[in-house]
Amino acid sequence: MIVCVCRRISDREITRHAKAGMTFDDIQFELGVATQCGQCEGCARDIVNQCSATFPVAALRGQQDRSDLPGWNSSSSCSA
């Protein structure tokens, strides 16, 4: 899914960089996400947070109801 329409950056690109240990600020500098209109910043930060050590991927996959995780809801700011 395209997260940043201005720079055409996907959730997969953000995830790949976050899993490599980069912070949101590092990813923003590297990819340019959330540097133009800023509408994607909330969604991009959520993706980075979900990929960080505090939100391991295995724990996310094991959740039946993900609504208790920060940034995980159907009305998130990810819509473009």
PDB file of N, CA and C in Angstrom:
ATOM      1  N   MET A   1       0.849  -1.171   0.000  1.00  0.00           N
ATOM      2  CA  MET A   1       0.000   0.000   0.000  1.00  0.00           C
ATOM      3  C   MET A   1       0.895   1.234   0.000  1.00  0.00           C
ATOM      4  N   ILE A   2       0.537   2.221  -0.778  1.00  0.00           N
ATOM      5  CA  ILE A   2       1.267   3.482  -0.793  1.00  0.00           C
ATOM      6  C   ILE A   2       0.864   4.285   0.441  1.00  0.00           C
ATOM      7  N   VAL A   3       1.848   4.653   1.237  1.00  0.00           N
ATOM      8  CA  VAL A   3       1.607   5.451   2.442  1.00  0.00           C
ATOM      9  C   VAL A   3       1.793   6.931   2.129  1.00  0.00           C
ATOM     10  N   CYS A   4       2.902   7.256   1.481  1.00  0.00           N
ATOM     11  CA  CYS A   4       3.218   8.643   1.125  1.00  0.00           C
ATOM     12  C   CYS A   4       2.963   8.823  -0.367  1.00  0.00           C
ATOM     13  N   VAL A   5       1.877   9.489  -0.690  1.00  0.00           N
ATOM     14  CA  VAL A   5       1.509   9.690  -2.085  1.00  0.00           C
ATOM     15  C   VAL A   5       2.471  10.673  -2.749  1.00  0.00           C
ATOM     16  N   CYS A   6       2.894  11.703  -2.024  1.00  0.00           N
ATOM     17  CA  CYS A   6       3.780  12.720  -2.590  1.00  0.00           C
ATOM     18  C   CYS A   6       5.100  12.127  -3.070  1.00  0.00           C
ATOM     19  N   ARG A   7       5.647  11.193  -2.290  1.00  0.00           N
ATOM     20  CA  ARG A   7       6.944  10.594  -2.610  1.00  0.00           C
ATOM     21  C   ARG A   7       6.831   9.154  -3.106  1.00  0.00           C
ATOM     22  N   ARG A   8       5.604   8.665  -3.181  1.00  0.00           N
ATOM     23  CA  ARG A   8       5.319   7.284  -3.633  1.00  0.00           C
ATOM     24  C   ARG A   8       6.118   6.262  -2.823  1.00  0.00           C
ATOM     25  N   ILE A   9       5.916   6.296  -1.506  1.00  0.00           N
ATOM     26  CA  ILE A   9       6.613   5.397  -0.589  1.00  0.00           C
ATOM     27  C   ILE A   9       5.597   4.422  -0.010  1.00  0.00           C
ATOM     28  N   SER A  10       5.931   3.140  -0.091  1.00  0.00           N
ATOM     29  CA  SER A  10       5.003   2.104   0.356  1.00  0.00           C
ATOM     30  C   SER A  10       5.242   1.717   1.805  1.00  0.00           C
ATOM     31  N   ASP A  11       4.270   1.017   2.362  1.00  0.00           N
ATOM     32  CA  ASP A  11       4.415   0.498   3.720  1.00  0.00           C
ATOM     33  C   ASP A  11       5.547  -0.526   3.768  1.00  0.00           C
ATOM     34  N   ARG A  12       5.767  -1.250   2.690  1.00  0.00           N
ATOM     35  CA  ARG A  12       6.849  -2.244   2.646  1.00  0.00           C
ATOM     36  C   ARG A  12       8.221  -1.588   2.741  1.00  0.00           C
ATOM     37  N   GLU A  13       8.391  -0.451   2.070  1.00  0.00           N
ATOM     38  CA  GLU A  13       9.660   0.265   2.154  1.00  0.00           C
ATOM     39  C   GLU A  13       9.915   0.753   3.577  1.00  0.00           C
ATOM     40  N   ILE A  14       8.896   1.319   4.188  1.00  0.00           N
ATOM     41  CA  ILE A  14       9.022   1.817   5.560  1.00  0.00           C
ATOM     42  C   ILE A  14       9.320   0.654   6.496  1.00  0.00           C
ATOM     43  N   THR A  15       8.604  -0.442   6.338  1.00  0.00           N
ATOM     44  CA  THR A  15       8.812  -1.622   7.177  1.00  0.00           C
ATOM     45  C   THR A  15      10.222  -2.164   7.033  1.00  0.00           C
ATOM     46  N   ARG A  16      10.708  -2.253   5.813  1.00  0.00           N
ATOM     47  CA  ARG A  16      12.060  -2.769   5.570  1.00  0.00           C
ATOM     48  C   ARG A  16      13.110  -1.922   6.289  1.00  0.00           C
ATOM     49  N   HIS A  17      12.972  -0.613   6.223  1.00  0.00           N
ATOM     50  CA  HIS A  17      13.919   0.277   6.887  1.00  0.00           C
ATOM     51  C   HIS A  17      13.784   0.195   8.413  1.00  0.00           C
ATOM     52  N   ALA A  18      12.550   0.112   8.905  1.00  0.00           N
ATOM     53  CA  ALA A  18      12.336   0.020  10.357  1.00  0.00           C
ATOM     54  C   ALA A  18      12.900  -1.280  10.913  1.00  0.00           C
ATOM     55  N   LYS A  19      12.712  -2.373  10.196  1.00  0.00           N
ATOM     56  CA  LYS A  19      13.240  -3.664  10.642  1.00  0.00           C
ATOM     57  C   LYS A  19      14.763  -3.696  10.596  1.00  0.00           C
ATOM     58  N   ALA A  20      15.347  -2.815   9.810  1.00  0.00           N
ATOM     59  CA  ALA A  20      16.806  -2.700   9.755  1.00  0.00           C
ATOM     60  C   ALA A  20      17.337  -1.873  10.920  1.00  0.00           C
ATOM     61  N   GLY A  21      16.422  -1.390  11.778  1.00  0.00           N
ATOM     62  CA  GLY A  21      16.834  -0.664  12.970  1.00  0.00           C
ATOM     63  C   GLY A  21      16.773   0.846  12.858  1.00  0.00           C
ATOM     64  N   MET A  22      16.221   1.350  11.772  1.00  0.00           N
ATOM     65  CA  MET A  22      16.150   2.800  11.592  1.00  0.00           C
ATOM     66  C   MET A  22      14.978   3.389  12.363  1.00  0.00           C
ATOM     67  N   THR A  23      15.168   4.586  12.889  1.00  0.00           N
ATOM     68  CA  THR A  23      14.098   5.306  13.574  1.00  0.00           C
ATOM     69  C   THR A  23      13.244   6.028  12.535  1.00  0.00           C
ATOM     70  N   PHE A  24      12.132   6.602  12.985  1.00  0.00           N
ATOM     71  CA  PHE A  24      11.293   7.361  12.050  1.00  0.00           C
ATOM     72  C   PHE A  24      12.088   8.501  11.428  1.00  0.00           C
ATOM     73  N   ASP A  25      12.863   9.219  12.259  1.00  0.00           N
ATOM     74  CA  ASP A  25      13.655  10.338  11.744  1.00  0.00           C
ATOM     75  C   ASP A  25      14.659   9.879  10.693  1.00  0.00           C
ATOM     76  N   ASP A  26      15.290   8.720  10.924  1.00  0.00           N
ATOM     77  CA  ASP A  26      16.229   8.162   9.941  1.00  0.00           C
ATOM     78  C   ASP A  26      15.520   7.844   8.631  1.00  0.00           C
ATOM     79  N   ILE A  27      14.356   7.224   8.749  1.00  0.00           N
ATOM     80  CA  ILE A  27      13.576   6.840   7.566  1.00  0.00           C
ATOM     81  C   ILE A  27      13.085   8.075   6.827  1.00  0.00           C
ATOM     82  N   GLN A  28      12.666   9.071   7.586  1.00  0.00           N
ATOM     83  CA  GLN A  28      12.208  10.318   6.974  1.00  0.00           C
ATOM     84  C   GLN A  28      13.343  10.959   6.172  1.00  0.00           C
ATOM     85  N   PHE A  29      14.533  10.978   6.741  1.00  0.00           N
ATOM     86  CA  PHE A  29      15.689  11.548   6.044  1.00  0.00           C
ATOM     87  C   PHE A  29      16.053  10.721   4.808  1.00  0.00           C
ATOM     88  N   GLU A  30      16.045   9.407   4.955  1.00  0.00           N
ATOM     89  CA  GLU A  30      16.450   8.502   3.873  1.00  0.00           C
ATOM     90  C   GLU A  30      15.449   8.482   2.714  1.00  0.00           C
ATOM     91  N   LEU A  31      14.161   8.360   3.034  1.00  0.00           N
ATOM     92  CA  LEU A  31      13.141   8.194   1.998  1.00  0.00           C
ATOM     93  C   LEU A  31      12.390   9.484   1.644  1.00  0.00           C
ATOM     94  N   GLY A  32      12.365  10.418   2.565  1.00  0.00           N
ATOM     95  CA  GLY A  32      11.610  11.653   2.338  1.00  0.00           C
ATOM     96  C   GLY A  32      10.152  11.547   2.725  1.00  0.00           C
ATOM     97  N   VAL A  33       9.784  10.473   3.433  1.00  0.00           N
ATOM     98  CA  VAL A  33       8.393  10.298   3.851  1.00  0.00           C
ATOM     99  C   VAL A  33       7.987  11.425   4.802  1.00  0.00           C
ATOM    100  N   ALA A  34       6.796  11.940   4.628  1.00  0.00           N
ATOM    101  CA  ALA A  34       6.221  13.000   5.473  1.00  0.00           C
ATOM    102  C   ALA A  34       7.030  14.289   5.423  1.00  0.00           C
ATOM    103  N   THR A  35       7.612  14.593   4.275  1.00  0.00           N
ATOM    104  CA  THR A  35       8.367  15.842   4.145  1.00  0.00           C
ATOM    105  C   THR A  35       7.693  16.851   3.225  1.00  0.00           C
ATOM    106  N   GLN A  36       6.573  16.454   2.621  1.00  0.00           N
ATOM    107  CA  GLN A  36       5.887  17.411   1.755  1.00  0.00           C
ATOM    108  C   GLN A  36       4.575  17.845   2.396  1.00  0.00           C
ATOM    109  N   CYS A  37       3.484  17.181   2.124  1.00  0.00           N
ATOM    110  CA  CYS A  37       2.193  17.625   2.668  1.00  0.00           C
ATOM    111  C   CYS A  37       1.996  17.198   4.122  1.00  0.00           C
ATOM    112  N   GLY A  38       2.654  16.101   4.536  1.00  0.00           N
ATOM    113  CA  GLY A  38       2.588  15.655   5.926  1.00  0.00           C
ATOM    114  C   GLY A  38       1.395  14.794   6.292  1.00  0.00           C
ATOM    115  N   GLN A  39       0.506  14.519   5.346  1.00  0.00           N
ATOM    116  CA  GLN A  39      -0.688  13.725   5.641  1.00  0.00           C
ATOM    117  C   GLN A  39      -0.371  12.282   6.017  1.00  0.00           C
ATOM    118  N   CYS A  40       0.780  11.788   5.624  1.00  0.00           N
ATOM    119  CA  CYS A  40       1.130  10.392   5.857  1.00  0.00           C
ATOM    120  C   CYS A  40       1.922  10.172   7.146  1.00  0.00           C
ATOM    121  N   GLU A  41       2.280  11.231   7.843  1.00  0.00           N
ATOM    122  CA  GLU A  41       3.177  11.089   8.987  1.00  0.00           C
ATOM    123  C   GLU A  41       2.632  10.151  10.061  1.00  0.00           C
ATOM    124  N   GLY A  42       1.379  10.270  10.408  1.00  0.00           N
ATOM    125  CA  GLY A  42       0.788   9.413  11.439  1.00  0.00           C
ATOM    126  C   GLY A  42       0.838   7.942  11.057  1.00  0.00           C
ATOM    127  N   CYS A  43       0.490   7.647   9.834  1.00  0.00           N
ATOM    128  CA  CYS A  43       0.514   6.261   9.363  1.00  0.00           C
ATOM    129  C   CYS A  43       1.942   5.739   9.305  1.00  0.00           C
ATOM    130  N   ALA A  44       2.864   6.553   8.802  1.00  0.00           N
ATOM    131  CA  ALA A  44       4.265   6.137   8.711  1.00  0.00           C
ATOM    132  C   ALA A  44       4.846   5.882  10.103  1.00  0.00           C
ATOM    133  N   ARG A  45       4.528   6.733  11.054  1.00  0.00           N
ATOM    134  CA  ARG A  45       5.012   6.537  12.428  1.00  0.00           C
ATOM    135  C   ARG A  45       4.416   5.258  13.031  1.00  0.00           C
ATOM    136  N   ASP A  46       3.161   4.994  12.752  1.00  0.00           N
ATOM    137  CA  ASP A  46       2.529   3.766  13.242  1.00  0.00           C
ATOM    138  C   ASP A  46       3.251   2.532  12.701  1.00  0.00           C
ATOM    139  N   ILE A  47       3.590   2.549  11.440  1.00  0.00           N
ATOM    140  CA  ILE A  47       4.294   1.421  10.832  1.00  0.00           C
ATOM    141  C   ILE A  47       5.651   1.223  11.493  1.00  0.00           C
ATOM    142  N   VAL A  48       6.380   2.310  11.690  1.00  0.00           N
ATOM    143  CA  VAL A  48       7.692   2.223  12.342  1.00  0.00           C
ATOM    144  C   VAL A  48       7.540   1.687  13.755  1.00  0.00           C
ATOM    145  N   ASN A  49       6.548   2.171  14.490  1.00  0.00           N
ATOM    146  CA  ASN A  49       6.320   1.703  15.862  1.00  0.00           C
ATOM    147  C   ASN A  49       5.965   0.223  15.896  1.00  0.00           C
ATOM    148  N   GLN A  50       5.178  -0.239  14.950  1.00  0.00           N
ATOM    149  CA  GLN A  50       4.786  -1.642  14.907  1.00  0.00           C
ATOM    150  C   GLN A  50       5.965  -2.543  14.567  1.00  0.00           C
ATOM    151  N   CYS A  51       6.976  -1.998  13.921  1.00  0.00           N
ATOM    152  CA  CYS A  51       8.147  -2.783  13.544  1.00  0.00           C
ATOM    153  C   CYS A  51       9.277  -2.674  14.560  1.00  0.00           C
ATOM    154  N   SER A  52       9.118  -1.843  15.558  1.00  0.00           N
ATOM    155  CA  SER A  52      10.181  -1.651  16.539  1.00  0.00           C
ATOM    156  C   SER A  52      10.202  -2.810  17.533  1.00  0.00           C
ATOM    157  N   ALA A  53      11.172  -2.807  18.406  1.00  0.00           N
ATOM    158  CA  ALA A  53      11.347  -3.888  19.381  1.00  0.00           C
ATOM    159  C   ALA A  53      10.172  -3.993  20.341  1.00  0.00           C
ATOM    160  N   THR A  54       9.463  -2.904  20.591  1.00  0.00           N
ATOM    161  CA  THR A  54       8.341  -2.952  21.518  1.00  0.00           C
ATOM    162  C   THR A  54       7.114  -3.606  20.898  1.00  0.00           C
ATOM    163  N   PHE A  55       7.097  -3.740  19.581  1.00  0.00           N
ATOM    164  CA  PHE A  55       5.999  -4.394  18.872  1.00  0.00           C
ATOM    165  C   PHE A  55       6.565  -5.467  17.953  1.00  0.00           C
ATOM    166  N   PRO A  56       7.073  -6.578  18.488  1.00  0.00           N
ATOM    167  CA  PRO A  56       7.645  -7.607  17.624  1.00  0.00           C
ATOM    168  C   PRO A  56       6.604  -8.186  16.665  1.00  0.00           C
ATOM    169  N   VAL A  57       7.046  -8.554  15.492  1.00  0.00           N
ATOM    170  CA  VAL A  57       6.157  -9.063  14.454  1.00  0.00           C
ATOM    171  C   VAL A  57       5.412 -10.305  14.922  1.00  0.00           C
ATOM    172  N   ALA A  58       6.067 -11.195  15.615  1.00  0.00           N
ATOM    173  CA  ALA A  58       5.420 -12.426  16.078  1.00  0.00           C
ATOM    174  C   ALA A  58       4.249 -12.104  16.997  1.00  0.00           C
ATOM    175  N   ALA A  59       4.389 -11.105  17.836  1.00  0.00           N
ATOM    176  CA  ALA A  59       3.305 -10.725  18.743  1.00  0.00           C
ATOM    177  C   ALA A  59       2.131 -10.153  17.960  1.00  0.00           C
ATOM    178  N   LEU A  60       2.414  -9.398  16.910  1.00  0.00           N
ATOM    179  CA  LEU A  60       1.340  -8.831  16.104  1.00  0.00           C
ATOM    180  C   LEU A  60       0.558  -9.920  15.391  1.00  0.00           C
ATOM    181  N   ARG A  61       1.256 -10.904  14.871  1.00  0.00           N
ATOM    182  CA  ARG A  61       0.582 -11.991  14.156  1.00  0.00           C
ATOM    183  C   ARG A  61      -0.254 -12.847  15.085  1.00  0.00           C
ATOM    184  N   GLY A  62       0.123 -12.909  16.350  1.00  0.00           N
ATOM    185  CA  GLY A  62      -0.585 -13.741  17.313  1.00  0.00           C
ATOM    186  C   GLY A  62      -1.827 -13.081  17.889  1.00  0.00           C
ATOM    187  N   GLN A  63      -2.009 -11.808  17.646  1.00  0.00           N
ATOM    188  CA  GLN A  63      -3.158 -11.098  18.201  1.00  0.00           C
ATOM    189  C   GLN A  63      -4.424 -11.413  17.408  1.00  0.00           C
ATOM    190  N   GLN A  64      -5.460 -11.814  18.098  1.00  0.00           N
ATOM    191  CA  GLN A  64      -6.741 -12.015  17.435  1.00  0.00           C
ATOM    192  C   GLN A  64      -7.439 -10.675  17.230  1.00  0.00           C
ATOM    193  N   ASP A  65      -7.402  -9.842  18.269  1.00  0.00           N
ATOM    194  CA  ASP A  65      -8.029  -8.519  18.202  1.00  0.00           C
ATOM    195  C   ASP A  65      -6.921  -7.484  18.309  1.00  0.00           C
ATOM    196  N   ARG A  66      -6.606  -6.836  17.224  1.00  0.00           N
ATOM    197  CA  ARG A  66      -5.497  -5.884  17.203  1.00  0.00           C
ATOM    198  C   ARG A  66      -5.931  -4.482  17.580  1.00  0.00           C
ATOM    199  N   SER A  67      -7.176  -4.272  17.907  1.00  0.00           N
ATOM    200  CA  SER A  67      -7.653  -2.939  18.222  1.00  0.00           C
ATOM    201  C   SER A  67      -7.038  -2.378  19.488  1.00  0.00           C
ATOM    202  N   ASP A  68      -6.410  -3.227  20.320  1.00  0.00           N
ATOM    203  CA  ASP A  68      -5.789  -2.728  21.534  1.00  0.00           C
ATOM    204  C   ASP A  68      -4.381  -2.190  21.299  1.00  0.00           C
ATOM    205  N   LEU A  69      -3.829  -2.388  20.091  1.00  0.00           N
ATOM    206  CA  LEU A  69      -2.498  -1.880  19.787  1.00  0.00           C
ATOM    207  C   LEU A  69      -2.589  -0.427  19.334  1.00  0.00           C
ATOM    208  N   PRO A  70      -1.642   0.409  19.761  1.00  0.00           N
ATOM    209  CA  PRO A  70      -1.661   1.807  19.324  1.00  0.00           C
ATOM    210  C   PRO A  70      -1.556   1.890  17.811  1.00  0.00           C
ATOM    211  N   GLY A  71      -2.354   2.760  17.214  1.00  0.00           N
ATOM    212  CA  GLY A  71      -2.293   2.969  15.782  1.00  0.00           C
ATOM    213  C   GLY A  71      -2.981   1.916  14.948  1.00  0.00           C
ATOM    214  N   TRP A  72      -3.632   0.950  15.577  1.00  0.00           N
ATOM    215  CA  TRP A  72      -4.283  -0.115  14.812  1.00  0.00           C
ATOM    216  C   TRP A  72      -5.788   0.028  14.931  1.00  0.00           C
ATOM    217  N   ASN A  73      -6.384   0.697  13.974  1.00  0.00           N
ATOM    218  CA  ASN A  73      -7.833   0.777  13.925  1.00  0.00           C
ATOM    219  C   ASN A  73      -8.253   1.072  12.507  1.00  0.00           C
ATOM    220  N   SER A  74      -9.478   0.815  12.223  1.00  0.00           N
ATOM    221  CA  SER A  74      -9.954   0.961  10.852  1.00  0.00           C
ATOM    222  C   SER A  74     -10.070   2.415  10.435  1.00  0.00           C
ATOM    223  N   SER A  75     -10.054   3.341  11.372  1.00  0.00           N
ATOM    224  CA  SER A  75     -10.155   4.758  11.030  1.00  0.00           C
ATOM    225  C   SER A  75      -8.831   5.473  11.216  1.00  0.00           C
ATOM    226  N   SER A  76      -7.719   4.777  11.000  1.00  0.00           N
ATOM    227  CA  SER A  76      -6.408   5.395  11.176  1.00  0.00           C
ATOM    228  C   SER A  76      -6.172   6.446  10.108  1.00  0.00           C
ATOM    229  N   SER A  77      -5.113   7.200  10.285  1.00  0.00           N
ATOM    230  CA  SER A  77      -4.783   8.269   9.351  1.00  0.00           C
ATOM    231  C   SER A  77      -4.083   7.755   8.115  1.00  0.00           C
ATOM    232  N   CYS A  78      -4.157   6.456   7.863  1.00  0.00           N
ATOM    233  CA  CYS A  78      -3.464   5.870   6.720  1.00  0.00           C
ATOM    234  C   CYS A  78      -4.207   6.052   5.405  1.00  0.00           C
ATOM    235  N   SER A  79      -5.435   6.446   5.446  1.00  0.00           N
ATOM    236  CA  SER A  79      -6.197   6.547   4.209  1.00  0.00           C
ATOM    237  C   SER A  79      -5.686   7.721   3.382  1.00  0.00           C
ATOM    238  N   ALA A  80      -5.663   7.521   2.096  1.00  0.00           N
ATOM    239  CA  ALA A  80      -5.155   8.584   1.209  1.00  0.00           C
ATOM    240  C   ALA A  80      -6.268   9.125   0.366  1.00  0.00           C
TER     241      ALA A  80
END
